[in-house]
PDB file of N, CA and C in Angstrom:
ATOM      1  N   MET A   1       0.853  -1.170   0.000  1.00  0.00           N
ATOM      2  CA  MET A   1       0.000   0.000   0.000  1.00  0.00           C
ATOM      3  C   MET A   1       0.895   1.228   0.000  1.00  0.00           C
ATOM      4  N   SER A   2       0.572   2.184  -0.825  1.00  0.00           N
ATOM      5  CA  SER A   2       1.446   3.333  -0.984  1.00  0.00           C
ATOM      6  C   SER A   2       1.224   4.422   0.060  1.00  0.00           C
ATOM      7  N   TYR A   3       0.050   4.473   0.686  1.00  0.00           N
ATOM      8  CA  TYR A   3      -0.233   5.533   1.645  1.00  0.00           C
ATOM      9  C   TYR A   3      -1.020   4.957   2.806  1.00  0.00           C
ATOM     10  N   THR A   4      -0.527   5.171   3.991  1.00  0.00           N
ATOM     11  CA  THR A   4      -1.224   4.729   5.190  1.00  0.00           C
ATOM     12  C   THR A   4      -1.479   5.939   6.078  1.00  0.00           C
ATOM     13  N   PRO A   5      -2.733   6.355   6.202  1.00  0.00           N
ATOM     14  CA  PRO A   5      -3.018   7.520   7.036  1.00  0.00           C
ATOM     15  C   PRO A   5      -2.787   7.216   8.517  1.00  0.00           C
ATOM     16  N   GLU A   6      -2.362   8.220   9.236  1.00  0.00           N
ATOM     17  CA  GLU A   6      -2.199   8.079  10.678  1.00  0.00           C
ATOM     18  C   GLU A   6      -3.466   8.570  11.354  1.00  0.00           C
ATOM     19  N   LEU A   7      -3.872   7.879  12.400  1.00  0.00           N
ATOM     20  CA  LEU A   7      -5.046   8.290  13.156  1.00  0.00           C
ATOM     21  C   LEU A   7      -4.630   9.260  14.248  1.00  0.00           C
ATOM     22  N   ASN A   8      -5.460  10.269  14.484  1.00  0.00           N
ATOM     23  CA  ASN A   8      -5.163  11.159  15.597  1.00  0.00           C
ATOM     24  C   ASN A   8      -5.509  10.444  16.904  1.00  0.00           C
ATOM     25  N   ILE A   9      -5.219  11.066  18.015  1.00  0.00           N
ATOM     26  CA  ILE A   9      -5.374  10.410  19.320  1.00  0.00           C
ATOM     27  C   ILE A   9      -6.825  10.019  19.597  1.00  0.00           C
ATOM     28  N   LYS A  10      -7.776  10.841  19.146  1.00  0.00           N
ATOM     29  CA  LYS A  10      -9.196  10.539  19.367  1.00  0.00           C
ATOM     30  C   LYS A  10      -9.596   9.244  18.663  1.00  0.00           C
ATOM     31  N   TYR A  11      -9.266   9.139  17.376  1.00  0.00           N
ATOM     32  CA  TYR A  11      -9.698   7.976  16.607  1.00  0.00           C
ATOM     33  C   TYR A  11      -8.851   6.741  16.899  1.00  0.00           C
ATOM     34  N   SER A  12      -7.599   6.936  17.226  1.00  0.00           N
ATOM     35  CA  SER A  12      -6.761   5.819  17.629  1.00  0.00           C
ATOM     36  C   SER A  12      -7.283   5.227  18.939  1.00  0.00           C
ATOM     37  N   GLY A  13      -7.642   6.099  19.867  1.00  0.00           N
ATOM     38  CA  GLY A  13      -8.193   5.645  21.143  1.00  0.00           C
ATOM     39  C   GLY A  13      -9.539   4.957  20.975  1.00  0.00           C
ATOM     40  N   THR A  14     -10.358   5.486  20.087  1.00  0.00           N
ATOM     41  CA  THR A  14     -11.660   4.874  19.811  1.00  0.00           C
ATOM     42  C   THR A  14     -11.483   3.483  19.220  1.00  0.00           C
ATOM     43  N   LEU A  15     -10.591   3.376  18.242  1.00  0.00           N
ATOM     44  CA  LEU A  15     -10.325   2.083  17.614  1.00  0.00           C
ATOM     45  C   LEU A  15      -9.778   1.088  18.631  1.00  0.00           C
ATOM     46  N   ARG A  16      -8.885   1.542  19.486  1.00  0.00           N
ATOM     47  CA  ARG A  16      -8.302   0.669  20.512  1.00  0.00           C
ATOM     48  C   ARG A  16      -9.398   0.111  21.420  1.00  0.00           C
ATOM     49  N   ARG A  17     -10.344   0.953  21.809  1.00  0.00           N
ATOM     50  CA  ARG A  17     -11.409   0.511  22.707  1.00  0.00           C
ATOM     51  C   ARG A  17     -12.353  -0.479  22.032  1.00  0.00           C
ATOM     52  N   ILE A  18     -12.626  -0.268  20.744  1.00  0.00           N
ATOM     53  CA  ILE A  18     -13.433  -1.233  19.994  1.00  0.00           C
ATOM     54  C   ILE A  18     -12.703  -2.572  19.940  1.00  0.00           C
ATOM     55  N   ALA A  19     -11.405  -2.533  19.671  1.00  0.00           N
ATOM     56  CA  ALA A  19     -10.604  -3.762  19.617  1.00  0.00           C
ATOM     57  C   ALA A  19     -10.605  -4.475  20.967  1.00  0.00           C
ATOM     58  N   TRP A  20     -10.463  -3.733  22.040  1.00  0.00           N
ATOM     59  CA  TRP A  20     -10.498  -4.342  23.371  1.00  0.00           C
ATOM     60  C   TRP A  20     -11.853  -5.009  23.620  1.00  0.00           C
ATOM     61  N   ALA A  21     -12.926  -4.308  23.262  1.00  0.00           N
ATOM     62  CA  ALA A  21     -14.273  -4.827  23.511  1.00  0.00           C
ATOM     63  C   ALA A  21     -14.506  -6.154  22.800  1.00  0.00           C
ATOM     64  N   TYR A  22     -13.976  -6.282  21.604  1.00  0.00           N
ATOM     65  CA  TYR A  22     -14.171  -7.503  20.826  1.00  0.00           C
ATOM     66  C   TYR A  22     -13.002  -8.476  20.929  1.00  0.00           C
ATOM     67  N   GLU A  23     -12.009  -8.086  21.740  1.00  0.00           N
ATOM     68  CA  GLU A  23     -10.823  -8.916  21.977  1.00  0.00           C
ATOM     69  C   GLU A  23     -10.164  -9.338  20.668  1.00  0.00           C
ATOM     70  N   ILE A  24      -9.937  -8.329  19.815  1.00  0.00           N
ATOM     71  CA  ILE A  24      -9.277  -8.544  18.526  1.00  0.00           C
ATOM     72  C   ILE A  24      -8.206  -7.476  18.337  1.00  0.00           C
ATOM     73  N   PRO A  25      -7.237  -7.714  17.463  1.00  0.00           N
ATOM     74  CA  PRO A  25      -6.228  -6.688  17.187  1.00  0.00           C
ATOM     75  C   PRO A  25      -6.868  -5.465  16.516  1.00  0.00           C
ATOM     76  N   MET A  26      -6.225  -4.329  16.667  1.00  0.00           N
ATOM     77  CA  MET A  26      -6.741  -3.098  16.068  1.00  0.00           C
ATOM     78  C   MET A  26      -6.877  -3.221  14.550  1.00  0.00           C
ATOM     79  N   THR A  27      -5.979  -3.947  13.918  1.00  0.00           N
ATOM     80  CA  THR A  27      -6.072  -4.104  12.462  1.00  0.00           C
ATOM     81  C   THR A  27      -7.353  -4.834  12.072  1.00  0.00           C
ATOM     82  N   ARG A  28      -7.731  -5.837  12.817  1.00  0.00           N
ATOM     83  CA  ARG A  28      -8.993  -6.544  12.526  1.00  0.00           C
ATOM     84  C   ARG A  28     -10.188  -5.673  12.852  1.00  0.00           C
ATOM     85  N   ALA A  29     -10.079  -4.854  13.895  1.00  0.00           N
ATOM     86  CA  ALA A  29     -11.181  -3.964  14.260  1.00  0.00           C
ATOM     87  C   ALA A  29     -11.447  -2.947  13.154  1.00  0.00           C
ATOM     88  N   ILE A  30     -10.394  -2.361  12.615  1.00  0.00           N
ATOM     89  CA  ILE A  30     -10.597  -1.361  11.564  1.00  0.00           C
ATOM     90  C   ILE A  30     -11.112  -2.020  10.281  1.00  0.00           C
ATOM     91  N   GLU A  31     -10.671  -3.239  10.005  1.00  0.00           N
ATOM     92  CA  GLU A  31     -11.204  -3.974   8.853  1.00  0.00           C
ATOM     93  C   GLU A  31     -12.704  -4.203   9.025  1.00  0.00           C
ATOM     94  N   GLY A  32     -13.111  -4.572  10.225  1.00  0.00           N
ATOM     95  CA  GLY A  32     -14.533  -4.777  10.507  1.00  0.00           C
ATOM     96  C   GLY A  32     -15.338  -3.500  10.359  1.00  0.00           C
ATOM     97  N   LEU A  33     -14.757  -2.390  10.801  1.00  0.00           N
ATOM     98  CA  LEU A  33     -15.438  -1.105  10.651  1.00  0.00           C
ATOM     99  C   LEU A  33     -15.619  -0.742   9.182  1.00  0.00           C
ATOM    100  N   PHE A  34     -14.587  -0.997   8.368  1.00  0.00           N
ATOM    101  CA  PHE A  34     -14.703  -0.731   6.931  1.00  0.00           C
ATOM    102  C   PHE A  34     -15.765  -1.628   6.295  1.00  0.00           C
ATOM    103  N   ASP A  35     -15.782  -2.899   6.667  1.00  0.00           N
ATOM    104  CA  ASP A  35     -16.796  -3.815   6.131  1.00  0.00           C
ATOM    105  C   ASP A  35     -18.199  -3.344   6.507  1.00  0.00           C
ATOM    106  N   TYR A  36     -18.368  -2.935   7.752  1.00  0.00           N
ATOM    107  CA  TYR A  36     -19.667  -2.460   8.233  1.00  0.00           C
ATOM    108  C   TYR A  36     -20.072  -1.170   7.521  1.00  0.00           C
ATOM    109  N   ALA A  37     -19.158  -0.219   7.442  1.00  0.00           N
ATOM    110  CA  ALA A  37     -19.459   1.071   6.816  1.00  0.00           C
ATOM    111  C   ALA A  37     -19.794   0.918   5.339  1.00  0.00           C
ATOM    112  N   SER A  38     -19.160  -0.031   4.673  1.00  0.00           N
ATOM    113  CA  SER A  38     -19.393  -0.201   3.235  1.00  0.00           C
ATOM    114  C   SER A  38     -20.825  -0.629   2.929  1.00  0.00           C
ATOM    115  N   LYS A  39     -21.549  -1.109   3.933  1.00  0.00           N
ATOM    116  CA  LYS A  39     -22.949  -1.488   3.742  1.00  0.00           C
ATOM    117  C   LYS A  39     -23.868  -0.271   3.698  1.00  0.00           C
ATOM    118  N   PHE A  40     -23.402   0.870   4.193  1.00  0.00           N
ATOM    119  CA  PHE A  40     -24.248   2.046   4.322  1.00  0.00           C
ATOM    120  C   PHE A  40     -23.824   3.218   3.442  1.00  0.00           C
ATOM    121  N   ILE A  41     -22.597   3.193   2.966  1.00  0.00           N
ATOM    122  CA  ILE A  41     -22.083   4.278   2.130  1.00  0.00           C
ATOM    123  C   ILE A  41     -22.560   4.069   0.698  1.00  0.00           C
ATOM    124  N   ASP A  42     -22.877   5.145   0.021  1.00  0.00           N
ATOM    125  CA  ASP A  42     -23.384   5.109  -1.352  1.00  0.00           C
ATOM    126  C   ASP A  42     -22.343   4.506  -2.297  1.00  0.00           C
ATOM    127  N   SER A  43     -22.564   3.253  -2.689  1.00  0.00           N
ATOM    128  CA  SER A  43     -21.613   2.543  -3.552  1.00  0.00           C
ATOM    129  C   SER A  43     -21.429   3.226  -4.894  1.00  0.00           C
ATOM    130  N   LYS A  44     -22.510   3.723  -5.461  1.00  0.00           N
ATOM    131  CA  LYS A  44     -22.415   4.382  -6.763  1.00  0.00           C
ATOM    132  C   LYS A  44     -21.510   5.603  -6.680  1.00  0.00           C
ATOM    133  N   LYS A  45     -21.664   6.367  -5.620  1.00  0.00           N
ATOM    134  CA  LYS A  45     -20.831   7.560  -5.447  1.00  0.00           C
ATOM    135  C   LYS A  45     -19.354   7.178  -5.338  1.00  0.00           C
ATOM    136  N   VAL A  46     -19.067   6.134  -4.580  1.00  0.00           N
ATOM    137  CA  VAL A  46     -17.684   5.681  -4.415  1.00  0.00           C
ATOM    138  C   VAL A  46     -17.128   5.181  -5.746  1.00  0.00           C
ATOM    139  N   CYS A  47     -17.891   4.353  -6.433  1.00  0.00           N
ATOM    140  CA  CYS A  47     -17.419   3.800  -7.714  1.00  0.00           C
ATOM    141  C   CYS A  47     -17.227   4.897  -8.761  1.00  0.00           C
ATOM    142  N   ASP A  48     -18.147   5.855  -8.801  1.00  0.00           N
ATOM    143  CA  ASP A  48     -18.027   6.951  -9.769  1.00  0.00           C
ATOM    144  C   ASP A  48     -16.778   7.788  -9.523  1.00  0.00           C
ATOM    145  N   ALA A  49     -16.369   7.914  -8.267  1.00  0.00           N
ATOM    146  CA  ALA A  49     -15.201   8.734  -7.920  1.00  0.00           C
ATOM    147  C   ALA A  49     -13.895   7.938  -7.908  1.00  0.00           C
ATOM    148  N   CYS A  50     -13.989   6.626  -8.071  1.00  0.00           N
ATOM    149  CA  CYS A  50     -12.811   5.760  -7.958  1.00  0.00           C
ATOM    150  C   CYS A  50     -11.749   6.097  -8.999  1.00  0.00           C
ATOM    151  N   ARG A  51     -10.492   6.050  -8.556  1.00  0.00           N
ATOM    152  CA  ARG A  51      -9.344   6.323  -9.431  1.00  0.00           C
ATOM    153  C   ARG A  51      -8.466   5.092  -9.624  1.00  0.00           C
ATOM    154  N   ASP A  52      -8.913   3.943  -9.118  1.00  0.00           N
ATOM    155  CA  ASP A  52      -8.115   2.715  -9.228  1.00  0.00           C
ATOM    156  C   ASP A  52      -9.026   1.553  -9.591  1.00  0.00           C
ATOM    157  N   ARG A  53      -9.227   1.336 -10.869  1.00  0.00           N
ATOM    158  CA  ARG A  53     -10.124   0.274 -11.342  1.00  0.00           C
ATOM    159  C   ARG A  53      -9.511  -1.118 -11.229  1.00  0.00           C
ATOM    160  N   SER A  54      -8.268  -1.218 -10.818  1.00  0.00           N
ATOM    161  CA  SER A  54      -7.639  -2.534 -10.677  1.00  0.00           C
ATOM    162  C   SER A  54      -8.137  -3.277  -9.437  1.00  0.00           C
ATOM    163  N   PHE A  55      -8.885  -2.606  -8.568  1.00  0.00           N
ATOM    164  CA  PHE A  55      -9.317  -3.166  -7.289  1.00  0.00           C
ATOM    165  C   PHE A  55     -10.784  -3.608  -7.301  1.00  0.00           C
ATOM    166  N   CYS A  56     -11.496  -3.393  -8.405  1.00  0.00           N
ATOM    167  CA  CYS A  56     -12.947  -3.625  -8.462  1.00  0.00           C
ATOM    168  C   CYS A  56     -13.377  -5.005  -7.967  1.00  0.00           C
ATOM    169  N   GLU A  57     -12.660  -6.038  -8.354  1.00  0.00           N
ATOM    170  CA  GLU A  57     -13.082  -7.394  -8.004  1.00  0.00           C
ATOM    171  C   GLU A  57     -13.047  -7.659  -6.498  1.00  0.00           C
ATOM    172  N   GLN A  58     -12.204  -6.952  -5.753  1.00  0.00           N
ATOM    173  CA  GLN A  58     -12.127  -7.136  -4.302  1.00  0.00           C
ATOM    174  C   GLN A  58     -12.858  -6.041  -3.527  1.00  0.00           C
ATOM    175  N   CYS A  59     -13.302  -5.017  -4.216  1.00  0.00           N
ATOM    176  CA  CYS A  59     -13.862  -3.839  -3.554  1.00  0.00           C
ATOM    177  C   CYS A  59     -15.226  -4.125  -2.925  1.00  0.00           C
ATOM    178  N   PRO A  60     -15.407  -3.773  -1.650  1.00  0.00           N
ATOM    179  CA  PRO A  60     -16.694  -4.006  -0.998  1.00  0.00           C
ATOM    180  C   PRO A  60     -17.810  -3.111  -1.539  1.00  0.00           C
ATOM    181  N   PHE A  61     -17.467  -2.082  -2.290  1.00  0.00           N
ATOM    182  CA  PHE A  61     -18.488  -1.210  -2.872  1.00  0.00           C
ATOM    183  C   PHE A  61     -18.973  -1.724  -4.219  1.00  0.00           C
ATOM    184  N   ASN A  62     -18.327  -2.733  -4.757  1.00  0.00           N
ATOM    185  CA  ASN A  62     -18.688  -3.293  -6.052  1.00  0.00           C
ATOM    186  C   ASN A  62     -19.799  -4.321  -5.856  1.00  0.00           C
ATOM    187  N   HIS A  63     -21.032  -3.884  -6.021  1.00  0.00           N
ATOM    188  CA  HIS A  63     -22.184  -4.776  -5.853  1.00  0.00           C
ATOM    189  C   HIS A  63     -22.712  -5.265  -7.194  1.00  0.00           C
ATOM    190  N   ASN A  64     -22.102  -4.830  -8.274  1.00  0.00           N
ATOM    191  CA  ASN A  64     -22.601  -5.162  -9.608  1.00  0.00           C
ATOM    192  C   ASN A  64     -21.752  -6.198 -10.314  1.00  0.00           C
ATOM    193  N   GLY A  65     -20.782  -6.781  -9.638  1.00  0.00           N
ATOM    194  CA  GLY A  65     -19.926  -7.768 -10.272  1.00  0.00           C
ATOM    195  C   GLY A  65     -19.022  -7.179 -11.330  1.00  0.00           C
ATOM    196  N   GLN A  66     -18.751  -5.878 -11.215  1.00  0.00           N
ATOM    197  CA  GLN A  66     -17.892  -5.218 -12.191  1.00  0.00           C
ATOM    198  C   GLN A  66     -16.481  -5.756 -12.074  1.00  0.00           C
ATOM    199  N   SER A  67     -15.842  -5.923 -13.189  1.00  0.00           N
ATOM    200  CA  SER A  67     -14.460  -6.394 -13.171  1.00  0.00           C
ATOM    201  C   SER A  67     -13.517  -5.228 -13.352  1.00  0.00           C
ATOM    202  N   SER A  68     -12.241  -5.508 -13.238  1.00  0.00           N
ATOM    203  CA  SER A  68     -11.228  -4.469 -13.400  1.00  0.00           C
ATOM    204  C   SER A  68     -11.122  -4.012 -14.846  1.00  0.00           C
ATOM    205  N   GLN A  69     -11.873  -4.632 -15.747  1.00  0.00           N
ATOM    206  CA  GLN A  69     -11.843  -4.252 -17.153  1.00  0.00           C
ATOM    207  C   GLN A  69     -12.676  -3.004 -17.418  1.00  0.00           C
ATOM    208  N   MET A  70     -13.362  -2.503 -16.405  1.00  0.00           N
ATOM    209  CA  MET A  70     -14.156  -1.285 -16.576  1.00  0.00           C
ATOM    210  C   MET A  70     -13.279  -0.135 -16.996  1.00  0.00           C
ATOM    211  N   SER A  71     -13.805   0.741 -17.812  1.00  0.00           N
ATOM    212  CA  SER A  71     -13.015   1.911 -18.213  1.00  0.00           C
ATOM    213  C   SER A  71     -13.472   3.133 -17.464  1.00  0.00           C
TER     214      SER A  71
END
C-alpha cells in the first residue's frame, strides 16, 4: 500500500477501545469497521469517484460484479 493515514489520538483511542471490547487486534477492528461502513455508504458515489479500477473485483463497494476491465 502506498499511503497509510495516521489516526489522531481521538480515533486511535476509539479504535483501541473497539478492539479491546471484541478482543481482537486493532487491524482486525478497523477492517470490521470498513466492512460495516461499506454497507451504508453510497456505492455508486464511491465507484463513480474511484481512481483505481484494478481493485474492483475485491472492492466491498462493487455490488454489480464489475471487473477491473471497466473503463
